[in-house]
Amino acid sequence: MFEIYRSGAQAGLPLPGVERDLILQTHIQVIELYRRQLVRSRARAIWSRLLRRSNRLRQLPARHGGHQPVRDPAVRPVPLARIVGSEDRMRDFDNAFAPLQEYTRARWLSVATAWALGHALPAVELIQIGDDYYVRDGHHRISVARAFGQGAIDASVTVWQPAEAAEQLADAVLACAPAGD
């Protein structure tokens, strides 16, 4: 039939307490939602061509050794509107994170069904540069969250700071630290 997104030790196990009819009804609804998202992405692509504007996700800029990654250990909500690009999946989703390719369908439906049934999904992994965020992992979860009208998504964020800013921050932290004997 179909598989609902599950990870870790729970992957492949039947869902306890969820009735088959509810799962089938939910799956039918998310199939329709996927179809609408695909139609909208194709319509945006046509408008973008007519207006000579890009509707593609932005690609994560190359680091060129000029950025110092700083990992934030906490999971925090990130506004979906601030997620503007991807590390490597620019051809799979448009700039509104609607699917562009048919091969994303099975995974999208699985994530959407799990979301609709109220299953907790893992936080996405993002890279922050300035005020913008780029997806490292979680493209389908972001796409589904947008399709369901969410304003934010839980994320684990790695901040890329220019090397000079990272050095200045480290100097400021050291200046505030109490002097040792």
C-alpha atoms as a PDB file:
ATOM      1  CA  MET A   1       0.000   0.000   0.000  1.00  0.00           C
ATOM      2  CA  PHE A   2       2.062   2.936   1.259  1.00  0.00           C
ATOM      3  CA  GLU A   3       4.440   3.606   4.092  1.00  0.00           C
ATOM      4  CA  ILE A   4       4.060   6.371   6.626  1.00  0.00           C
ATOM      5  CA  TYR A   5       7.262   8.234   7.418  1.00  0.00           C
ATOM      6  CA  ARG A   6       8.900   6.711  10.480  1.00  0.00           C
ATOM      7  CA  SER A   7      12.509   6.594  11.488  1.00  0.00           C
ATOM      8  CA  GLY A   8      14.772   4.756  13.899  1.00  0.00           C
ATOM      9  CA  ALA A   9      13.593   1.672  15.750  1.00  0.00           C
ATOM     10  CA  GLN A  10       9.953   2.392  14.806  1.00  0.00           C
ATOM     11  CA  ALA A  11      10.566   2.179  11.033  1.00  0.00           C
ATOM     12  CA  GLY A  12       8.532  -0.524   9.347  1.00  0.00           C
ATOM     13  CA  LEU A  13       6.380  -1.349  12.390  1.00  0.00           C
ATOM     14  CA  PRO A  14       2.582  -1.105  12.190  1.00  0.00           C
ATOM     15  CA  LEU A  15       1.136   2.048  13.690  1.00  0.00           C
ATOM     16  CA  PRO A  16      -0.476   1.201  17.033  1.00  0.00           C
ATOM     17  CA  GLY A  17      -3.932   2.598  17.765  1.00  0.00           C
ATOM     18  CA  VAL A  18      -4.507   4.154  14.340  1.00  0.00           C
ATOM     19  CA  GLU A  19      -7.385   2.701  12.415  1.00  0.00           C
ATOM     20  CA  ARG A  20      -6.881   1.646   8.826  1.00  0.00           C
ATOM     21  CA  ASP A  21      -9.869   3.708   7.570  1.00  0.00           C
ATOM     22  CA  LEU A  22      -8.454   6.873   9.129  1.00  0.00           C
ATOM     23  CA  ILE A  23      -5.081   6.233   7.510  1.00  0.00           C
ATOM     24  CA  LEU A  24      -6.682   5.608   4.096  1.00  0.00           C
ATOM     25  CA  GLN A  25      -8.877   8.712   4.354  1.00  0.00           C
ATOM     26  CA  THR A  26      -5.892  10.817   5.414  1.00  0.00           C
ATOM     27  CA  HIS A  27      -3.777   9.393   2.609  1.00  0.00           C
ATOM     28  CA  ILE A  28      -6.442  10.283   0.036  1.00  0.00           C
ATOM     29  CA  GLN A  29      -6.497  13.845   1.373  1.00  0.00           C
ATOM     30  CA  VAL A  30      -2.718  14.212   1.187  1.00  0.00           C
ATOM     31  CA  ILE A  31      -2.685  12.828  -2.363  1.00  0.00           C
ATOM     32  CA  GLU A  32      -5.042  15.662  -3.319  1.00  0.00           C
ATOM     33  CA  LEU A  33      -2.885  18.169  -1.430  1.00  0.00           C
ATOM     34  CA  TYR A  34       0.212  16.908  -3.282  1.00  0.00           C
ATOM     35  CA  ARG A  35      -1.580  17.227  -6.618  1.00  0.00           C
ATOM     36  CA  ARG A  36      -2.548  20.834  -5.805  1.00  0.00           C
ATOM     37  CA  GLN A  37       1.030  21.640  -4.789  1.00  0.00           C
ATOM     38  CA  LEU A  38       2.370  20.163  -8.040  1.00  0.00           C
ATOM     39  CA  VAL A  39      -0.157  22.128 -10.130  1.00  0.00           C
ATOM     40  CA  ARG A  40       0.712  25.347  -8.261  1.00  0.00           C
ATOM     41  CA  SER A  41       4.439  24.807  -8.744  1.00  0.00           C
ATOM     42  CA  ARG A  42       3.927  24.296 -12.475  1.00  0.00           C
ATOM     43  CA  ALA A  43       1.745  27.425 -12.699  1.00  0.00           C
ATOM     44  CA  ARG A  44       4.417  29.425 -10.819  1.00  0.00           C
ATOM     45  CA  ALA A  45       7.025  28.072 -13.245  1.00  0.00           C
ATOM     46  CA  ILE A  46       5.009  29.334 -16.226  1.00  0.00           C
ATOM     47  CA  TRP A  47       4.492  32.766 -14.627  1.00  0.00           C
ATOM     48  CA  SER A  48       8.175  32.945 -13.755  1.00  0.00           C
ATOM     49  CA  ARG A  49       9.145  32.285 -17.367  1.00  0.00           C
ATOM     50  CA  LEU A  50       6.678  34.900 -18.625  1.00  0.00           C
ATOM     51  CA  LEU A  51       7.950  37.473 -16.123  1.00  0.00           C
ATOM     52  CA  ARG A  52      11.563  36.380 -16.650  1.00  0.00           C
ATOM     53  CA  ARG A  53      12.060  35.744 -12.959  1.00  0.00           C
ATOM     54  CA  SER A  54      13.490  32.693 -11.262  1.00  0.00           C
ATOM     55  CA  ASN A  55      11.261  30.465  -9.184  1.00  0.00           C
ATOM     56  CA  ARG A  56      14.118  28.178  -8.160  1.00  0.00           C
ATOM     57  CA  LEU A  57      15.441  27.689  -4.680  1.00  0.00           C
ATOM     58  CA  ARG A  58      18.667  29.542  -4.072  1.00  0.00           C
ATOM     59  CA  GLN A  59      21.775  27.414  -3.817  1.00  0.00           C
ATOM     60  CA  LEU A  60      23.805  27.556  -0.639  1.00  0.00           C
ATOM     61  CA  PRO A  61      26.804  29.806  -1.367  1.00  0.00           C
ATOM     62  CA  ALA A  62      30.161  28.053  -1.485  1.00  0.00           C
ATOM     63  CA  ARG A  63      32.094  28.488   1.755  1.00  0.00           C
ATOM     64  CA  HIS A  64      35.485  29.220   0.188  1.00  0.00           C
ATOM     65  CA  GLY A  65      36.947  28.923   3.665  1.00  0.00           C
ATOM     66  CA  GLY A  66      35.447  32.331   4.459  1.00  0.00           C
ATOM     67  CA  HIS A  67      32.782  31.106   6.858  1.00  0.00           C
ATOM     68  CA  GLN A  68      33.170  29.615  10.307  1.00  0.00           C
ATOM     69  CA  PRO A  69      30.363  27.131  11.141  1.00  0.00           C
ATOM     70  CA  VAL A  70      28.856  27.490  14.611  1.00  0.00           C
ATOM     71  CA  ARG A  71      26.365  24.774  15.594  1.00  0.00           C
ATOM     72  CA  ASP A  72      23.448  25.770  17.836  1.00  0.00           C
ATOM     73  CA  PRO A  73      22.746  22.694  19.990  1.00  0.00           C
ATOM     74  CA  ALA A  74      19.135  23.713  20.681  1.00  0.00           C
ATOM     75  CA  VAL A  75      16.236  22.954  18.361  1.00  0.00           C
ATOM     76  CA  ARG A  76      14.325  26.164  17.688  1.00  0.00           C
ATOM     77  CA  PRO A  77      11.409  27.282  15.540  1.00  0.00           C
ATOM     78  CA  VAL A  78      12.424  28.960  12.286  1.00  0.00           C
ATOM     79  CA  PRO A  79       9.942  30.947  10.163  1.00  0.00           C
ATOM     80  CA  LEU A  80       9.326  29.075   6.909  1.00  0.00           C
ATOM     81  CA  ALA A  81       9.451  32.365   4.997  1.00  0.00           C
ATOM     82  CA  ARG A  82      13.147  32.756   5.984  1.00  0.00           C
ATOM     83  CA  ILE A  83      14.101  29.408   4.399  1.00  0.00           C
ATOM     84  CA  VAL A  84      15.223  30.503   0.945  1.00  0.00           C
ATOM     85  CA  GLY A  85      17.435  27.781  -0.449  1.00  0.00           C
ATOM     86  CA  SER A  86      19.045  24.392  -0.316  1.00  0.00           C
ATOM     87  CA  GLU A  87      22.440  22.843   0.009  1.00  0.00           C
ATOM     88  CA  ASP A  88      21.789  20.425  -2.873  1.00  0.00           C
ATOM     89  CA  ARG A  89      18.106  19.972  -3.863  1.00  0.00           C
ATOM     90  CA  MET A  90      17.391  23.071  -5.978  1.00  0.00           C
ATOM     91  CA  ARG A  91      15.899  21.041  -8.839  1.00  0.00           C
ATOM     92  CA  ASP A  92      13.391  19.152  -6.649  1.00  0.00           C
ATOM     93  CA  PHE A  93      11.453  22.089  -5.137  1.00  0.00           C
ATOM     94  CA  ASP A  94      10.557  25.607  -6.239  1.00  0.00           C
ATOM     95  CA  ASN A  95      11.182  28.715  -4.135  1.00  0.00           C
ATOM     96  CA  ALA A  96       7.867  28.112  -2.328  1.00  0.00           C
ATOM     97  CA  PHE A  97       9.064  24.555  -1.542  1.00  0.00           C
ATOM     98  CA  ALA A  98       6.393  22.979  -3.724  1.00  0.00           C
ATOM     99  CA  PRO A  99       7.558  19.759  -5.402  1.00  0.00           C
ATOM    100  CA  LEU A 100       8.807  20.030  -8.987  1.00  0.00           C
ATOM    101  CA  GLN A 101       9.705  16.415  -9.723  1.00  0.00           C
ATOM    102  CA  GLU A 102       7.434  13.385  -9.789  1.00  0.00           C
ATOM    103  CA  TYR A 103      10.060  11.230  -8.050  1.00  0.00           C
ATOM    104  CA  THR A 104       9.510  13.245  -4.839  1.00  0.00           C
ATOM    105  CA  ARG A 105       5.890  12.038  -4.672  1.00  0.00           C
ATOM    106  CA  ALA A 106       6.221   8.878  -2.538  1.00  0.00           C
ATOM    107  CA  ARG A 107       8.387  10.523   0.087  1.00  0.00           C
ATOM    108  CA  TRP A 108       6.211  13.682   0.134  1.00  0.00           C
ATOM    109  CA  LEU A 109       3.039  11.624   0.618  1.00  0.00           C
ATOM    110  CA  SER A 110       4.638   9.587   3.394  1.00  0.00           C
ATOM    111  CA  VAL A 111       5.748  12.692   5.305  1.00  0.00           C
ATOM    112  CA  ALA A 112       2.396  14.444   4.715  1.00  0.00           C
ATOM    113  CA  THR A 113       0.409  11.439   5.924  1.00  0.00           C
ATOM    114  CA  ALA A 114       2.491  11.197   9.090  1.00  0.00           C
ATOM    115  CA  TRP A 115       2.089  14.958   9.635  1.00  0.00           C
ATOM    116  CA  ALA A 116      -1.674  14.810   9.110  1.00  0.00           C
ATOM    117  CA  LEU A 117      -1.983  11.904  11.558  1.00  0.00           C
ATOM    118  CA  GLY A 118      -0.147  13.936  14.193  1.00  0.00           C
ATOM    119  CA  HIS A 119       3.089  11.963  14.321  1.00  0.00           C
ATOM    120  CA  ALA A 120       6.106  13.879  15.573  1.00  0.00           C
ATOM    121  CA  LEU A 121       8.663  14.403  12.838  1.00  0.00           C
ATOM    122  CA  PRO A 122      12.348  15.093  13.452  1.00  0.00           C
ATOM    123  CA  ALA A 123      13.611  18.664  13.325  1.00  0.00           C
ATOM    124  CA  VAL A 124      14.985  19.782   9.970  1.00  0.00           C
ATOM    125  CA  GLU A 125      18.656  20.726   9.615  1.00  0.00           C
ATOM    126  CA  LEU A 126      19.338  24.242   8.375  1.00  0.00           C
ATOM    127  CA  ILE A 127      22.346  26.422   7.669  1.00  0.00           C
ATOM    128  CA  GLN A 128      21.932  30.108   8.526  1.00  0.00           C
ATOM    129  CA  ILE A 129      23.820  32.825   6.674  1.00  0.00           C
ATOM    130  CA  GLY A 130      22.771  36.269   7.840  1.00  0.00           C
ATOM    131  CA  ASP A 131      18.961  36.270   8.009  1.00  0.00           C
ATOM    132  CA  ASP A 132      18.539  33.503   5.419  1.00  0.00           C
ATOM    133  CA  TYR A 133      18.332  29.756   5.971  1.00  0.00           C
ATOM    134  CA  TYR A 134      19.328  26.941   3.610  1.00  0.00           C
ATOM    135  CA  VAL A 135      18.160  23.339   3.952  1.00  0.00           C
ATOM    136  CA  ARG A 136      20.675  20.625   4.649  1.00  0.00           C
ATOM    137  CA  ASP A 137      18.102  17.951   5.580  1.00  0.00           C
ATOM    138  CA  GLY A 138      14.308  18.079   5.673  1.00  0.00           C
ATOM    139  CA  HIS A 139      13.173  19.382   2.274  1.00  0.00           C
ATOM    140  CA  HIS A 140      10.019  17.238   2.259  1.00  0.00           C
ATOM    141  CA  ARG A 141       9.134  18.200   5.844  1.00  0.00           C
ATOM    142  CA  ILE A 142       9.448  21.888   4.927  1.00  0.00           C
ATOM    143  CA  SER A 143       7.370  21.389   1.791  1.00  0.00           C
ATOM    144  CA  VAL A 144       4.662  19.596   3.762  1.00  0.00           C
ATOM    145  CA  ALA A 145       4.688  22.203   6.546  1.00  0.00           C
ATOM    146  CA  ARG A 146       4.168  24.961   3.960  1.00  0.00           C
ATOM    147  CA  ALA A 147       1.410  22.988   2.238  1.00  0.00           C
ATOM    148  CA  PHE A 148      -0.390  22.633   5.580  1.00  0.00           C
ATOM    149  CA  GLY A 149      -0.075  26.389   6.190  1.00  0.00           C
ATOM    150  CA  GLN A 150       2.423  26.312   9.046  1.00  0.00           C
ATOM    151  CA  GLY A 151       4.349  29.505   9.774  1.00  0.00           C
ATOM    152  CA  ALA A 152       7.443  27.929  11.338  1.00  0.00           C
ATOM    153  CA  ILE A 153       9.220  24.611  11.684  1.00  0.00           C
ATOM    154  CA  ASP A 154      11.495  23.187  14.372  1.00  0.00           C
ATOM    155  CA  ALA A 155      15.097  23.172  13.207  1.00  0.00           C
ATOM    156  CA  SER A 156      18.610  22.368  14.259  1.00  0.00           C
ATOM    157  CA  VAL A 157      20.639  25.297  12.945  1.00  0.00           C
ATOM    158  CA  THR A 158      24.280  25.655  11.985  1.00  0.00           C
ATOM    159  CA  VAL A 159      25.208  29.331  11.660  1.00  0.00           C
ATOM    160  CA  TRP A 160      27.841  30.223   9.083  1.00  0.00           C
ATOM    161  CA  GLN A 161      29.534  33.404  10.207  1.00  0.00           C
ATOM    162  CA  PRO A 162      32.202  35.224   8.239  1.00  0.00           C
ATOM    163  CA  ALA A 163      35.571  34.206   9.683  1.00  0.00           C
ATOM    164  CA  GLU A 164      36.293  37.802  10.802  1.00  0.00           C
ATOM    165  CA  ALA A 165      32.991  37.969  12.745  1.00  0.00           C
ATOM    166  CA  ALA A 166      33.707  34.619  14.398  1.00  0.00           C
ATOM    167  CA  GLU A 167      37.150  35.851  15.469  1.00  0.00           C
ATOM    168  CA  GLN A 168      35.678  39.107  16.837  1.00  0.00           C
ATOM    169  CA  LEU A 169      33.046  37.131  18.760  1.00  0.00           C
ATOM    170  CA  ALA A 170      35.718  34.843  20.225  1.00  0.00           C
ATOM    171  CA  ASP A 171      37.821  37.891  21.221  1.00  0.00           C
ATOM    172  CA  ALA A 172      34.778  39.500  22.886  1.00  0.00           C
ATOM    173  CA  VAL A 173      34.028  36.322  24.831  1.00  0.00           C
ATOM    174  CA  LEU A 174      37.650  36.063  25.975  1.00  0.00           C
ATOM    175  CA  ALA A 175      37.667  39.741  27.015  1.00  0.00           C
ATOM    176  CA  CYS A 176      34.610  39.145  29.232  1.00  0.00           C
ATOM    177  CA  ALA A 177      36.031  36.013  30.857  1.00  0.00           C
ATOM    178  CA  PRO A 178      37.537  36.431  34.359  1.00  0.00           C
ATOM    179  CA  ALA A 179      41.325  36.496  34.354  1.00  0.00           C
ATOM    180  CA  GLY A 180      42.998  33.361  35.661  1.00  0.00           C
ATOM    181  CA  ASP A 181      45.746  33.325  38.339  1.00  0.00           C
END
